[in-house]
């Protein structure tokens, strides 16, 4: 799929306790904040699990990341629905691929920004 500067892609998902537990088991990050419920009956989602919403978009675009930067602004909890809006900020054609730069903003169901990110990578020509 060709991408152009200014293209915007979105994806949203709601995190479950089961997914958070499975991610913790897979990564070994079993910190209490990911395993014990808070006063509202929720567990905190791992930051990298939250950031994985953007990787779904990247996969759809056949984007291969070379560099990624994330800024975690607010906690995300089980039951939260997070939307990632990814903006293509630059596309530089090269021989056999394009160098692509993107920025992403992640917001919760209340419209609060929880994560901002940027990445540089490539998309190979077909």
PDB file of N, CA and C in Angstrom:
ATOM      1  N   UNK A   1       0.847  -1.178   0.000  1.00  0.00           N
ATOM      2  CA  UNK A   1       0.000   0.000   0.000  1.00  0.00           C
ATOM      3  C   UNK A   1       0.894   1.243   0.000  1.00  0.00           C
ATOM      4  N   UNK A   2       0.798   2.075  -1.016  1.00  0.00           N
ATOM      5  CA  UNK A   2       1.605   3.292  -1.026  1.00  0.00           C
ATOM      6  C   UNK A   2       1.081   4.282   0.024  1.00  0.00           C
ATOM      7  N   UNK A   3       2.004   4.978   0.664  1.00  0.00           N
ATOM      8  CA  UNK A   3       1.607   6.000   1.629  1.00  0.00           C
ATOM      9  C   UNK A   3       2.152   7.345   1.164  1.00  0.00           C
ATOM     10  N   UNK A   4       1.474   8.379   1.589  1.00  0.00           N
ATOM     11  CA  UNK A   4       1.859   9.736   1.215  1.00  0.00           C
ATOM     12  C   UNK A   4       1.918  10.614   2.452  1.00  0.00           C
ATOM     13  N   UNK A   5       2.758  11.615   2.396  1.00  0.00           N
ATOM     14  CA  UNK A   5       2.828  12.589   3.473  1.00  0.00           C
ATOM     15  C   UNK A   5       1.425  13.143   3.713  1.00  0.00           C
ATOM     16  N   UNK A   6       1.019  13.182   4.973  1.00  0.00           N
ATOM     17  CA  UNK A   6      -0.307  13.687   5.331  1.00  0.00           C
ATOM     18  C   UNK A   6      -1.359  12.607   5.524  1.00  0.00           C
ATOM     19  N   UNK A   7      -1.063  11.379   5.096  1.00  0.00           N
ATOM     20  CA  UNK A   7      -2.012  10.275   5.316  1.00  0.00           C
ATOM     21  C   UNK A   7      -2.200  10.049   6.816  1.00  0.00           C
ATOM     22  N   UNK A   8      -3.431   9.745   7.194  1.00  0.00           N
ATOM     23  CA  UNK A   8      -3.767   9.465   8.590  1.00  0.00           C
ATOM     24  C   UNK A   8      -4.432   8.096   8.659  1.00  0.00           C
ATOM     25  N   UNK A   9      -3.997   7.293   9.629  1.00  0.00           N
ATOM     26  CA  UNK A   9      -4.561   5.961   9.859  1.00  0.00           C
ATOM     27  C   UNK A   9      -4.935   5.856  11.337  1.00  0.00           C
ATOM     28  N   UNK A  10      -6.041   5.178  11.624  1.00  0.00           N
ATOM     29  CA  UNK A  10      -6.456   5.013  13.019  1.00  0.00           C
ATOM     30  C   UNK A  10      -6.801   3.560  13.312  1.00  0.00           C
ATOM     31  N   UNK A  11      -6.641   3.212  14.577  1.00  0.00           N
ATOM     32  CA  UNK A  11      -7.038   1.893  15.070  1.00  0.00           C
ATOM     33  C   UNK A  11      -7.359   2.053  16.538  1.00  0.00           C
ATOM     34  N   UNK A  12      -8.355   1.321  16.995  1.00  0.00           N
ATOM     35  CA  UNK A  12      -8.731   1.416  18.406  1.00  0.00           C
ATOM     36  C   UNK A  12      -8.958   0.033  18.979  1.00  0.00           C
ATOM     37  N   UNK A  13      -8.733  -0.082  20.288  1.00  0.00           N
ATOM     38  CA  UNK A  13      -8.995  -1.353  20.966  1.00  0.00           C
ATOM     39  C   UNK A  13      -9.209  -1.112  22.444  1.00  0.00           C
ATOM     40  N   UNK A  14      -9.914  -2.062  23.043  1.00  0.00           N
ATOM     41  CA  UNK A  14     -10.169  -2.060  24.480  1.00  0.00           C
ATOM     42  C   UNK A  14      -9.355  -3.185  25.097  1.00  0.00           C
ATOM     43  N   UNK A  15      -8.598  -2.878  26.140  1.00  0.00           N
ATOM     44  CA  UNK A  15      -7.723  -3.861  26.774  1.00  0.00           C
ATOM     45  C   UNK A  15      -8.454  -4.618  27.876  1.00  0.00           C
ATOM     46  N   UNK A  16      -8.254  -5.943  27.914  1.00  0.00           N
ATOM     47  CA  UNK A  16      -8.859  -6.800  28.931  1.00  0.00           C
ATOM     48  C   UNK A  16      -7.796  -7.253  29.930  1.00  0.00           C
ATOM     49  N   UNK A  17      -8.246  -7.659  31.107  1.00  0.00           N
ATOM     50  CA  UNK A  17      -7.329  -8.189  32.124  1.00  0.00           C
ATOM     51  C   UNK A  17      -6.588  -9.414  31.595  1.00  0.00           C
ATOM     52  N   UNK A  18      -7.275 -10.244  30.834  1.00  0.00           N
ATOM     53  CA  UNK A  18      -6.648 -11.455  30.291  1.00  0.00           C
ATOM     54  C   UNK A  18      -5.481 -11.085  29.379  1.00  0.00           C
ATOM     55  N   UNK A  19      -5.672 -10.092  28.510  1.00  0.00           N
ATOM     56  CA  UNK A  19      -4.600  -9.662  27.614  1.00  0.00           C
ATOM     57  C   UNK A  19      -3.417  -9.092  28.397  1.00  0.00           C
ATOM     58  N   UNK A  20      -3.711  -8.320  29.423  1.00  0.00           N
ATOM     59  CA  UNK A  20      -2.653  -7.724  30.248  1.00  0.00           C
ATOM     60  C   UNK A  20      -1.856  -8.824  30.936  1.00  0.00           C
ATOM     61  N   UNK A  21      -2.547  -9.812  31.476  1.00  0.00           N
ATOM     62  CA  UNK A  21      -1.877 -10.946  32.131  1.00  0.00           C
ATOM     63  C   UNK A  21      -1.012 -11.714  31.126  1.00  0.00           C
ATOM     64  N   UNK A  22      -1.561 -11.985  29.953  1.00  0.00           N
ATOM     65  CA  UNK A  22      -0.806 -12.728  28.936  1.00  0.00           C
ATOM     66  C   UNK A  22       0.431 -11.955  28.481  1.00  0.00           C
ATOM     67  N   UNK A  23       0.320 -10.642  28.318  1.00  0.00           N
ATOM     68  CA  UNK A  23       1.456  -9.823  27.929  1.00  0.00           C
ATOM     69  C   UNK A  23       2.522  -9.864  29.030  1.00  0.00           C
ATOM     70  N   UNK A  24       2.091  -9.782  30.280  1.00  0.00           N
ATOM     71  CA  UNK A  24       3.024  -9.872  31.405  1.00  0.00           C
ATOM     72  C   UNK A  24       3.749 -11.208  31.431  1.00  0.00           C
ATOM     73  N   UNK A  25       3.033 -12.282  31.174  1.00  0.00           N
ATOM     74  CA  UNK A  25       3.653 -13.607  31.139  1.00  0.00           C
ATOM     75  C   UNK A  25       4.649 -13.708  29.987  1.00  0.00           C
ATOM     76  N   UNK A  26       4.286 -13.157  28.851  1.00  0.00           N
ATOM     77  CA  UNK A  26       5.150 -13.221  27.677  1.00  0.00           C
ATOM     78  C   UNK A  26       6.433 -12.418  27.880  1.00  0.00           C
ATOM     79  N   UNK A  27       6.327 -11.228  28.492  1.00  0.00           N
ATOM     80  CA  UNK A  27       7.482 -10.347  28.641  1.00  0.00           C
ATOM     81  C   UNK A  27       8.220 -10.548  29.961  1.00  0.00           C
ATOM     82  N   UNK A  28       7.556 -11.163  30.927  1.00  0.00           N
ATOM     83  CA  UNK A  28       8.146 -11.308  32.255  1.00  0.00           C
ATOM     84  C   UNK A  28       7.874 -10.113  33.154  1.00  0.00           C
ATOM     85  N   UNK A  29       7.159  -9.117  32.663  1.00  0.00           N
ATOM     86  CA  UNK A  29       6.835  -7.935  33.468  1.00  0.00           C
ATOM     87  C   UNK A  29       5.558  -8.207  34.253  1.00  0.00           C
ATOM     88  N   UNK A  30       5.750  -8.680  35.478  1.00  0.00           N
ATOM     89  CA  UNK A  30       4.612  -9.015  36.337  1.00  0.00           C
ATOM     90  C   UNK A  30       4.548  -8.041  37.524  1.00  0.00           C
ATOM     91  N   UNK A  31       4.905  -6.772  37.279  1.00  0.00           N
ATOM     92  CA  UNK A  31       4.826  -5.750  38.324  1.00  0.00           C
ATOM     93  C   UNK A  31       3.440  -5.702  38.936  1.00  0.00           C
ATOM     94  N   UNK A  32       3.382  -5.371  40.240  1.00  0.00           N
ATOM     95  CA  UNK A  32       2.101  -5.355  40.967  1.00  0.00           C
ATOM     96  C   UNK A  32       1.034  -4.515  40.273  1.00  0.00           C
ATOM     97  N   UNK A  33       1.448  -3.395  39.680  1.00  0.00           N
ATOM     98  CA  UNK A  33       0.471  -2.518  39.030  1.00  0.00           C
ATOM     99  C   UNK A  33      -0.178  -3.182  37.820  1.00  0.00           C
ATOM    100  N   UNK A  34       0.440  -4.265  37.319  1.00  0.00           N
ATOM    101  CA  UNK A  34      -0.133  -5.006  36.194  1.00  0.00           C
ATOM    102  C   UNK A  34      -0.888  -6.257  36.655  1.00  0.00           C
ATOM    103  N   UNK A  35      -0.767  -6.608  37.931  1.00  0.00           N
ATOM    104  CA  UNK A  35      -1.364  -7.860  38.405  1.00  0.00           C
ATOM    105  C   UNK A  35      -2.385  -7.685  39.519  1.00  0.00           C
ATOM    106  N   UNK A  36      -2.290  -6.613  40.277  1.00  0.00           N
ATOM    107  CA  UNK A  36      -3.228  -6.389  41.387  1.00  0.00           C
ATOM    108  C   UNK A  36      -4.173  -5.246  41.037  1.00  0.00           C
ATOM    109  N   UNK A  37      -5.450  -5.481  41.294  1.00  0.00           N
ATOM    110  CA  UNK A  37      -6.461  -4.477  40.965  1.00  0.00           C
ATOM    111  C   UNK A  37      -6.341  -3.260  41.868  1.00  0.00           C
ATOM    112  N   UNK A  38      -6.625  -2.092  41.284  1.00  0.00           N
ATOM    113  CA  UNK A  38      -6.638  -0.860  42.066  1.00  0.00           C
ATOM    114  C   UNK A  38      -7.986  -0.699  42.765  1.00  0.00           C
ATOM    115  N   UNK A  39      -8.193   0.442  43.408  1.00  0.00           N
ATOM    116  CA  UNK A  39      -9.434   0.689  44.159  1.00  0.00           C
ATOM    117  C   UNK A  39     -10.668   0.702  43.272  1.00  0.00           C
ATOM    118  N   UNK A  40     -10.479   0.813  41.957  1.00  0.00           N
ATOM    119  CA  UNK A  40     -11.598   0.784  41.010  1.00  0.00           C
ATOM    120  C   UNK A  40     -11.739  -0.562  40.304  1.00  0.00           C
ATOM    121  N   UNK A  41     -10.962  -1.569  40.764  1.00  0.00           N
ATOM    122  CA  UNK A  41     -11.063  -2.912  40.196  1.00  0.00           C
ATOM    123  C   UNK A  41     -10.352  -3.088  38.869  1.00  0.00           C
ATOM    124  N   UNK A  42      -9.382  -2.212  38.575  1.00  0.00           N
ATOM    125  CA  UNK A  42      -8.681  -2.261  37.290  1.00  0.00           C
ATOM    126  C   UNK A  42      -7.207  -2.604  37.512  1.00  0.00           C
ATOM    127  N   UNK A  43      -6.576  -3.139  36.471  1.00  0.00           N
ATOM    128  CA  UNK A  43      -5.119  -3.297  36.471  1.00  0.00           C
ATOM    129  C   UNK A  43      -4.563  -2.405  35.366  1.00  0.00           C
ATOM    130  N   UNK A  44      -3.317  -1.961  35.559  1.00  0.00           N
ATOM    131  CA  UNK A  44      -2.689  -1.065  34.595  1.00  0.00           C
ATOM    132  C   UNK A  44      -2.157  -1.851  33.391  1.00  0.00           C
ATOM    133  N   UNK A  45      -2.411  -1.323  32.216  1.00  0.00           N
ATOM    134  CA  UNK A  45      -1.910  -1.903  30.976  1.00  0.00           C
ATOM    135  C   UNK A  45      -0.420  -1.553  30.848  1.00  0.00           C
ATOM    136  N   UNK A  46       0.380  -2.497  30.406  1.00  0.00           N
ATOM    137  CA  UNK A  46       1.795  -2.234  30.139  1.00  0.00           C
ATOM    138  C   UNK A  46       1.903  -1.149  29.072  1.00  0.00           C
ATOM    139  N   UNK A  47       2.879  -0.260  29.233  1.00  0.00           N
ATOM    140  CA  UNK A  47       3.072   0.801  28.247  1.00  0.00           C
ATOM    141  C   UNK A  47       3.308   0.263  26.847  1.00  0.00           C
ATOM    142  N   UNK A  48       4.134  -0.790  26.761  1.00  0.00           N
ATOM    143  CA  UNK A  48       4.423  -1.332  25.429  1.00  0.00           C
ATOM    144  C   UNK A  48       3.219  -2.055  24.828  1.00  0.00           C
ATOM    145  N   UNK A  49       2.339  -2.578  25.668  1.00  0.00           N
ATOM    146  CA  UNK A  49       1.106  -3.169  25.137  1.00  0.00           C
ATOM    147  C   UNK A  49       0.219  -2.062  24.574  1.00  0.00           C
ATOM    148  N   UNK A  50       0.148  -0.943  25.274  1.00  0.00           N
ATOM    149  CA  UNK A  50      -0.599   0.206  24.747  1.00  0.00           C
ATOM    150  C   UNK A  50      -0.008   0.637  23.407  1.00  0.00           C
ATOM    151  N   UNK A  51       1.317   0.765  23.357  1.00  0.00           N
ATOM    152  CA  UNK A  51       1.989   1.209  22.132  1.00  0.00           C
ATOM    153  C   UNK A  51       1.789   0.230  20.980  1.00  0.00           C
ATOM    154  N   UNK A  52       1.457  -1.020  21.298  1.00  0.00           N
ATOM    155  CA  UNK A  52       1.296  -2.026  20.243  1.00  0.00           C
ATOM    156  C   UNK A  52       0.121  -1.729  19.314  1.00  0.00           C
ATOM    157  N   UNK A  53      -0.774  -0.851  19.710  1.00  0.00           N
ATOM    158  CA  UNK A  53      -1.868  -0.483  18.800  1.00  0.00           C
ATOM    159  C   UNK A  53      -1.278   0.067  17.500  1.00  0.00           C
ATOM    160  N   UNK A  54      -0.234   0.880  17.617  1.00  0.00           N
ATOM    161  CA  UNK A  54       0.421   1.441  16.435  1.00  0.00           C
ATOM    162  C   UNK A  54       1.075   0.390  15.563  1.00  0.00           C
ATOM    163  N   UNK A  55       1.529  -0.710  16.178  1.00  0.00           N
ATOM    164  CA  UNK A  55       2.174  -1.748  15.374  1.00  0.00           C
ATOM    165  C   UNK A  55       1.162  -2.460  14.479  1.00  0.00           C
ATOM    166  N   UNK A  56      -0.099  -2.463  14.873  1.00  0.00           N
ATOM    167  CA  UNK A  56      -1.143  -3.039  14.014  1.00  0.00           C
ATOM    168  C   UNK A  56      -1.244  -2.220  12.722  1.00  0.00           C
ATOM    169  N   UNK A  57      -1.231  -0.899  12.873  1.00  0.00           N
ATOM    170  CA  UNK A  57      -1.277  -0.029  11.688  1.00  0.00           C
ATOM    171  C   UNK A  57      -0.027  -0.240  10.849  1.00  0.00           C
ATOM    172  N   UNK A  58       1.134  -0.278  11.505  1.00  0.00           N
ATOM    173  CA  UNK A  58       2.388  -0.508  10.795  1.00  0.00           C
ATOM    174  C   UNK A  58       2.372  -1.803  10.009  1.00  0.00           C
ATOM    175  N   UNK A  59       1.819  -2.847  10.598  1.00  0.00           N
ATOM    176  CA  UNK A  59       1.716  -4.130   9.901  1.00  0.00           C
ATOM    177  C   UNK A  59       0.845  -4.037   8.662  1.00  0.00           C
ATOM    178  N   UNK A  60      -0.256  -3.312   8.777  1.00  0.00           N
ATOM    179  CA  UNK A  60      -1.129  -3.125   7.620  1.00  0.00           C
ATOM    180  C   UNK A  60      -0.407  -2.409   6.475  1.00  0.00           C
ATOM    181  N   UNK A  61       0.533  -1.512   6.835  1.00  0.00           N
ATOM    182  CA  UNK A  61       1.258  -0.728   5.831  1.00  0.00           C
ATOM    183  C   UNK A  61       2.544  -1.421   5.372  1.00  0.00           C
ATOM    184  N   UNK A  62       2.854  -2.567   5.978  1.00  0.00           N
ATOM    185  CA  UNK A  62       4.115  -3.280   5.712  1.00  0.00           C
ATOM    186  C   UNK A  62       5.319  -2.401   6.069  1.00  0.00           C
ATOM    187  N   UNK A  63       5.144  -1.644   7.132  1.00  0.00           N
ATOM    188  CA  UNK A  63       6.143  -0.706   7.643  1.00  0.00           C
ATOM    189  C   UNK A  63       7.123  -1.456   8.533  1.00  0.00           C
ATOM    190  N   UNK A  64       8.410  -1.261   8.294  1.00  0.00           N
ATOM    191  CA  UNK A  64       9.453  -1.873   9.107  1.00  0.00           C
ATOM    192  C   UNK A  64      10.131  -0.751   9.879  1.00  0.00           C
ATOM    193  N   UNK A  65       9.904  -0.714  11.196  1.00  0.00           N
ATOM    194  CA  UNK A  65      10.453   0.360  12.022  1.00  0.00           C
ATOM    195  C   UNK A  65      11.957   0.212  12.187  1.00  0.00           C
ATOM    196  N   UNK A  66      12.645   1.333  12.145  1.00  0.00           N
ATOM    197  CA  UNK A  66      14.080   1.374  12.417  1.00  0.00           C
ATOM    198  C   UNK A  66      14.354   2.092  13.727  1.00  0.00           C
ATOM    199  N   UNK A  67      13.492   3.027  14.075  1.00  0.00           N
ATOM    200  CA  UNK A  67      13.650   3.804  15.300  1.00  0.00           C
ATOM    201  C   UNK A  67      12.266   4.168  15.814  1.00  0.00           C
ATOM    202  N   UNK A  68      12.090   4.071  17.145  1.00  0.00           N
ATOM    203  CA  UNK A  68      10.803   4.403  17.749  1.00  0.00           C
ATOM    204  C   UNK A  68      11.048   5.172  19.051  1.00  0.00           C
ATOM    205  N   UNK A  69      10.242   6.200  19.270  1.00  0.00           N
ATOM    206  CA  UNK A  69      10.296   6.967  20.506  1.00  0.00           C
ATOM    207  C   UNK A  69       8.878   7.081  21.038  1.00  0.00           C
ATOM    208  N   UNK A  70       8.725   6.827  22.336  1.00  0.00           N
ATOM    209  CA  UNK A  70       7.400   6.903  22.950  1.00  0.00           C
ATOM    210  C   UNK A  70       7.465   7.752  24.209  1.00  0.00           C
ATOM    211  N   UNK A  71       6.408   8.514  24.436  1.00  0.00           N
ATOM    212  CA  UNK A  71       6.260   9.299  25.659  1.00  0.00           C
ATOM    213  C   UNK A  71       4.931   8.884  26.295  1.00  0.00           C
ATOM    214  N   UNK A  72       5.042   8.252  27.462  1.00  0.00           N
ATOM    215  CA  UNK A  72       3.865   7.741  28.170  1.00  0.00           C
ATOM    216  C   UNK A  72       3.356   8.842  29.092  1.00  0.00           C
ATOM    217  N   UNK A  73       2.161   9.351  28.822  1.00  0.00           N
ATOM    218  CA  UNK A  73       1.647  10.544  29.480  1.00  0.00           C
ATOM    219  C   UNK A  73       0.676  10.260  30.618  1.00  0.00           C
ATOM    220  N   UNK A  74      -0.144   9.222  30.467  1.00  0.00           N
ATOM    221  CA  UNK A  74      -1.137   8.854  31.482  1.00  0.00           C
ATOM    222  C   UNK A  74      -1.244   7.340  31.513  1.00  0.00           C
ATOM    223  N   UNK A  75      -1.596   6.793  32.664  1.00  0.00           N
ATOM    224  CA  UNK A  75      -1.781   5.343  32.718  1.00  0.00           C
ATOM    225  C   UNK A  75      -3.021   4.908  31.941  1.00  0.00           C
ATOM    226  N   UNK A  76      -2.958   3.680  31.462  1.00  0.00           N
ATOM    227  CA  UNK A  76      -4.077   3.034  30.773  1.00  0.00           C
ATOM    228  C   UNK A  76      -4.451   1.826  31.627  1.00  0.00           C
ATOM    229  N   UNK A  77      -5.749   1.573  31.775  1.00  0.00           N
ATOM    230  CA  UNK A  77      -6.224   0.493  32.642  1.00  0.00           C
ATOM    231  C   UNK A  77      -7.106  -0.476  31.873  1.00  0.00           C
ATOM    232  N   UNK A  78      -7.244  -1.666  32.430  1.00  0.00           N
ATOM    233  CA  UNK A  78      -8.159  -2.651  31.856  1.00  0.00           C
ATOM    234  C   UNK A  78      -9.526  -1.996  31.684  1.00  0.00           C
ATOM    235  N   UNK A  79     -10.136  -2.266  30.550  1.00  0.00           N
ATOM    236  CA  UNK A  79     -11.440  -1.682  30.238  1.00  0.00           C
ATOM    237  C   UNK A  79     -11.359  -0.374  29.471  1.00  0.00           C
ATOM    238  N   UNK A  80     -10.187   0.252  29.439  1.00  0.00           N
ATOM    239  CA  UNK A  80     -10.036   1.486  28.675  1.00  0.00           C
ATOM    240  C   UNK A  80     -10.005   1.180  27.179  1.00  0.00           C
ATOM    241  N   UNK A  81     -10.618   2.058  26.406  1.00  0.00           N
ATOM    242  CA  UNK A  81     -10.567   1.965  24.952  1.00  0.00           C
ATOM    243  C   UNK A  81      -9.629   3.049  24.458  1.00  0.00           C
ATOM    244  N   UNK A  82      -8.580   2.621  23.772  1.00  0.00           N
ATOM    245  CA  UNK A  82      -7.543   3.537  23.308  1.00  0.00           C
ATOM    246  C   UNK A  82      -7.581   3.609  21.783  1.00  0.00           C
ATOM    247  N   UNK A  83      -7.536   4.827  21.268  1.00  0.00           N
ATOM    248  CA  UNK A  83      -7.480   5.063  19.832  1.00  0.00           C
ATOM    249  C   UNK A  83      -6.110   5.615  19.487  1.00  0.00           C
ATOM    250  N   UNK A  84      -5.478   5.024  18.490  1.00  0.00           N
ATOM    251  CA  UNK A  84      -4.203   5.512  17.965  1.00  0.00           C
ATOM    252  C   UNK A  84      -4.478   6.173  16.624  1.00  0.00           C
ATOM    253  N   UNK A  85      -4.036   7.426  16.508  1.00  0.00           N
ATOM    254  CA  UNK A  85      -4.096   8.131  15.233  1.00  0.00           C
ATOM    255  C   UNK A  85      -2.663   8.333  14.767  1.00  0.00           C
ATOM    256  N   UNK A  86      -2.334   7.731  13.645  1.00  0.00           N
ATOM    257  CA  UNK A  86      -0.987   7.774  13.095  1.00  0.00           C
ATOM    258  C   UNK A  86      -0.965   8.697  11.880  1.00  0.00           C
ATOM    259  N   UNK A  87      -0.063   9.660  11.888  1.00  0.00           N
ATOM    260  CA  UNK A  87       0.090  10.620  10.798  1.00  0.00           C
ATOM    261  C   UNK A  87       1.417  10.380  10.098  1.00  0.00           C
ATOM    262  N   UNK A  88       1.384  10.219   8.784  1.00  0.00           N
ATOM    263  CA  UNK A  88       2.606  10.102   7.994  1.00  0.00           C
ATOM    264  C   UNK A  88       3.134  11.523   7.798  1.00  0.00           C
ATOM    265  N   UNK A  89       4.311  11.804   8.378  1.00  0.00           N
ATOM    266  CA  UNK A  89       4.855  13.158   8.325  1.00  0.00           C
ATOM    267  C   UNK A  89       5.884  13.356   7.221  1.00  0.00           C
ATOM    268  N   UNK A  90       6.447  12.262   6.701  1.00  0.00           N
ATOM    269  CA  UNK A  90       7.410  12.396   5.613  1.00  0.00           C
ATOM    270  C   UNK A  90       7.550  11.070   4.885  1.00  0.00           C
ATOM    271  N   UNK A  91       7.730  11.142   3.582  1.00  0.00           N
ATOM    272  CA  UNK A  91       7.997   9.974   2.740  1.00  0.00           C
ATOM    273  C   UNK A  91       9.099  10.382   1.762  1.00  0.00           C
ATOM    274  N   UNK A  92      10.228   9.676   1.850  1.00  0.00           N
ATOM    275  CA  UNK A  92      11.346   9.963   0.961  1.00  0.00           C
ATOM    276  C   UNK A  92      11.620   8.714   0.127  1.00  0.00           C
ATOM    277  N   UNK A  93      11.314   8.770  -1.177  1.00  0.00           N
ATOM    278  CA  UNK A  93      11.575   7.608  -2.038  1.00  0.00           C
ATOM    279  C   UNK A  93      13.074   7.338  -2.154  1.00  0.00           C
ATOM    280  N   UNK A  94      13.433   6.074  -2.044  1.00  0.00           N
ATOM    281  CA  UNK A  94      14.800   5.600  -2.227  1.00  0.00           C
ATOM    282  C   UNK A  94      14.748   4.471  -3.245  1.00  0.00           C
ATOM    283  N   UNK A  95      15.891   3.891  -3.546  1.00  0.00           N
ATOM    284  CA  UNK A  95      15.911   2.778  -4.490  1.00  0.00           C
ATOM    285  C   UNK A  95      15.402   1.515  -3.811  1.00  0.00           C
ATOM    286  N   UNK A  96      14.216   1.046  -4.209  1.00  0.00           N
ATOM    287  CA  UNK A  96      13.653  -0.185  -3.680  1.00  0.00           C
ATOM    288  C   UNK A  96      12.794  -0.030  -2.434  1.00  0.00           C
ATOM    289  N   UNK A  97      12.736   1.167  -1.860  1.00  0.00           N
ATOM    290  CA  UNK A  97      11.933   1.390  -0.655  1.00  0.00           C
ATOM    291  C   UNK A  97      11.697   2.883  -0.467  1.00  0.00           C
ATOM    292  N   UNK A  98      10.848   3.211   0.486  1.00  0.00           N
ATOM    293  CA  UNK A  98      10.651   4.598   0.900  1.00  0.00           C
ATOM    294  C   UNK A  98      10.998   4.713   2.369  1.00  0.00           C
ATOM    295  N   UNK A  99      11.686   5.778   2.714  1.00  0.00           N
ATOM    296  CA  UNK A  99      11.947   6.109   4.106  1.00  0.00           C
ATOM    297  C   UNK A  99      10.736   6.882   4.605  1.00  0.00           C
ATOM    298  N   UNK A 100      10.097   6.378   5.659  1.00  0.00           N
ATOM    299  CA  UNK A 100       8.827   6.932   6.121  1.00  0.00           C
ATOM    300  C   UNK A 100       8.967   7.369   7.582  1.00  0.00           C
ATOM    301  N   UNK A 101       8.465   8.557   7.881  1.00  0.00           N
ATOM    302  CA  UNK A 101       8.434   9.073   9.245  1.00  0.00           C
ATOM    303  C   UNK A 101       6.979   9.263   9.648  1.00  0.00           C
ATOM    304  N   UNK A 102       6.662   8.836  10.869  1.00  0.00           N
ATOM    305  CA  UNK A 102       5.285   8.936  11.360  1.00  0.00           C
ATOM    306  C   UNK A 102       5.282   9.486  12.786  1.00  0.00           C
ATOM    307  N   UNK A 103       4.167  10.109  13.146  1.00  0.00           N
ATOM    308  CA  UNK A 103       3.897  10.470  14.532  1.00  0.00           C
ATOM    309  C   UNK A 103       2.549   9.862  14.897  1.00  0.00           C
ATOM    310  N   UNK A 104       2.388   9.546  16.169  1.00  0.00           N
ATOM    311  CA  UNK A 104       1.143   8.926  16.629  1.00  0.00           C
ATOM    312  C   UNK A 104       0.686   9.579  17.914  1.00  0.00           C
ATOM    313  N   UNK A 105      -0.628   9.708  18.034  1.00  0.00           N
ATOM    314  CA  UNK A 105      -1.240  10.196  19.263  1.00  0.00           C
ATOM    315  C   UNK A 105      -2.254   9.148  19.698  1.00  0.00           C
ATOM    316  N   UNK A 106      -2.162   8.743  20.956  1.00  0.00           N
ATOM    317  CA  UNK A 106      -3.051   7.742  21.531  1.00  0.00           C
ATOM    318  C   UNK A 106      -3.941   8.444  22.554  1.00  0.00           C
ATOM    319  N   UNK A 107      -5.256   8.277  22.422  1.00  0.00           N
ATOM    320  CA  UNK A 107      -6.184   8.894  23.361  1.00  0.00           C
ATOM    321  C   UNK A 107      -7.107   7.833  23.956  1.00  0.00           C
ATOM    322  N   UNK A 108      -7.551   8.093  25.184  1.00  0.00           N
ATOM    323  CA  UNK A 108      -8.488   7.162  25.817  1.00  0.00           C
ATOM    324  C   UNK A 108      -9.924   7.539  25.478  1.00  0.00           C
ATOM    325  N   UNK A 109     -10.850   6.777  26.013  1.00  0.00           N
ATOM    326  CA  UNK A 109     -12.268   6.957  25.710  1.00  0.00           C
ATOM    327  C   UNK A 109     -12.798   8.309  26.199  1.00  0.00           C
ATOM    328  N   UNK A 110     -12.031   9.000  27.052  1.00  0.00           N
ATOM    329  CA  UNK A 110     -12.433  10.322  27.540  1.00  0.00           C
ATOM    330  C   UNK A 110     -11.763  11.446  26.769  1.00  0.00           C
ATOM    331  N   UNK A 111     -11.052  11.086  25.677  1.00  0.00           N
ATOM    332  CA  UNK A 111     -10.382  12.094  24.867  1.00  0.00           C
ATOM    333  C   UNK A 111      -9.067  12.585  25.447  1.00  0.00           C
ATOM    334  N   UNK A 112      -8.573  11.949  26.504  1.00  0.00           N
ATOM    335  CA  UNK A 112      -7.304  12.329  27.130  1.00  0.00           C
ATOM    336  C   UNK A 112      -6.154  11.629  26.425  1.00  0.00           C
ATOM    337  N   UNK A 113      -5.101  12.389  26.126  1.00  0.00           N
ATOM    338  CA  UNK A 113      -3.920  11.819  25.493  1.00  0.00           C
ATOM    339  C   UNK A 113      -3.151  10.987  26.511  1.00  0.00           C
ATOM    340  N   UNK A 114      -2.875   9.727  26.157  1.00  0.00           N
ATOM    341  CA  UNK A 114      -2.167   8.825  27.060  1.00  0.00           C
ATOM    342  C   UNK A 114      -0.757   8.505  26.583  1.00  0.00           C
ATOM    343  N   UNK A 115      -0.493   8.678  25.305  1.00  0.00           N
ATOM    344  CA  UNK A 115       0.800   8.311  24.725  1.00  0.00           C
ATOM    345  C   UNK A 115       1.006   9.117  23.455  1.00  0.00           C
ATOM    346  N   UNK A 116       2.233   9.597  23.267  1.00  0.00           N
ATOM    347  CA  UNK A 116       2.602  10.185  21.978  1.00  0.00           C
ATOM    348  C   UNK A 116       3.856   9.457  21.511  1.00  0.00           C
ATOM    349  N   UNK A 117       3.976   9.290  20.220  1.00  0.00           N
ATOM    350  CA  UNK A 117       5.086   8.504  19.697  1.00  0.00           C
ATOM    351  C   UNK A 117       5.508   9.016  18.326  1.00  0.00           C
ATOM    352  N   UNK A 118       6.731   8.664  17.974  1.00  0.00           N
ATOM    353  CA  UNK A 118       7.219   8.937  16.625  1.00  0.00           C
ATOM    354  C   UNK A 118       8.081   7.760  16.195  1.00  0.00           C
ATOM    355  N   UNK A 119       8.190   7.596  14.908  1.00  0.00           N
ATOM    356  CA  UNK A 119       8.948   6.467  14.396  1.00  0.00           C
ATOM    357  C   UNK A 119       9.459   6.789  13.001  1.00  0.00           C
ATOM    358  N   UNK A 120      10.600   6.188  12.693  1.00  0.00           N
ATOM    359  CA  UNK A 120      11.142   6.246  11.346  1.00  0.00           C
ATOM    360  C   UNK A 120      11.392   4.831  10.889  1.00  0.00           C
ATOM    361  N   UNK A 121      11.035   4.541   9.661  1.00  0.00           N
ATOM    362  CA  UNK A 121      11.225   3.198   9.138  1.00  0.00           C
ATOM    363  C   UNK A 121      11.137   3.183   7.634  1.00  0.00           C
ATOM    364  N   UNK A 122      10.957   1.990   7.105  1.00  0.00           N
ATOM    365  CA  UNK A 122      10.891   1.855   5.656  1.00  0.00           C
ATOM    366  C   UNK A 122       9.652   1.070   5.241  1.00  0.00           C
ATOM    367  N   UNK A 123       9.240   1.331   4.029  1.00  0.00           N
ATOM    368  CA  UNK A 123       8.246   0.508   3.343  1.00  0.00           C
ATOM    369  C   UNK A 123       8.882   0.128   2.021  1.00  0.00           C
ATOM    370  N   UNK A 124       9.047  -1.176   1.822  1.00  0.00           N
ATOM    371  CA  UNK A 124       9.677  -1.673   0.601  1.00  0.00           C
ATOM    372  C   UNK A 124       8.736  -1.520  -0.584  1.00  0.00           C
ATOM    373  N   UNK A 125       9.340  -1.249  -1.738  1.00  0.00           N
ATOM    374  CA  UNK A 125       8.572  -1.255  -2.984  1.00  0.00           C
ATOM    375  C   UNK A 125       8.180  -2.691  -3.280  1.00  0.00           C
ATOM    376  N   UNK A 126       7.059  -2.854  -3.926  1.00  0.00           N
ATOM    377  CA  UNK A 126       6.623  -4.215  -4.258  1.00  0.00           C
ATOM    378  C   UNK A 126       7.275  -4.703  -5.517  1.00  0.00           C
TER     379      UNK A 126
END
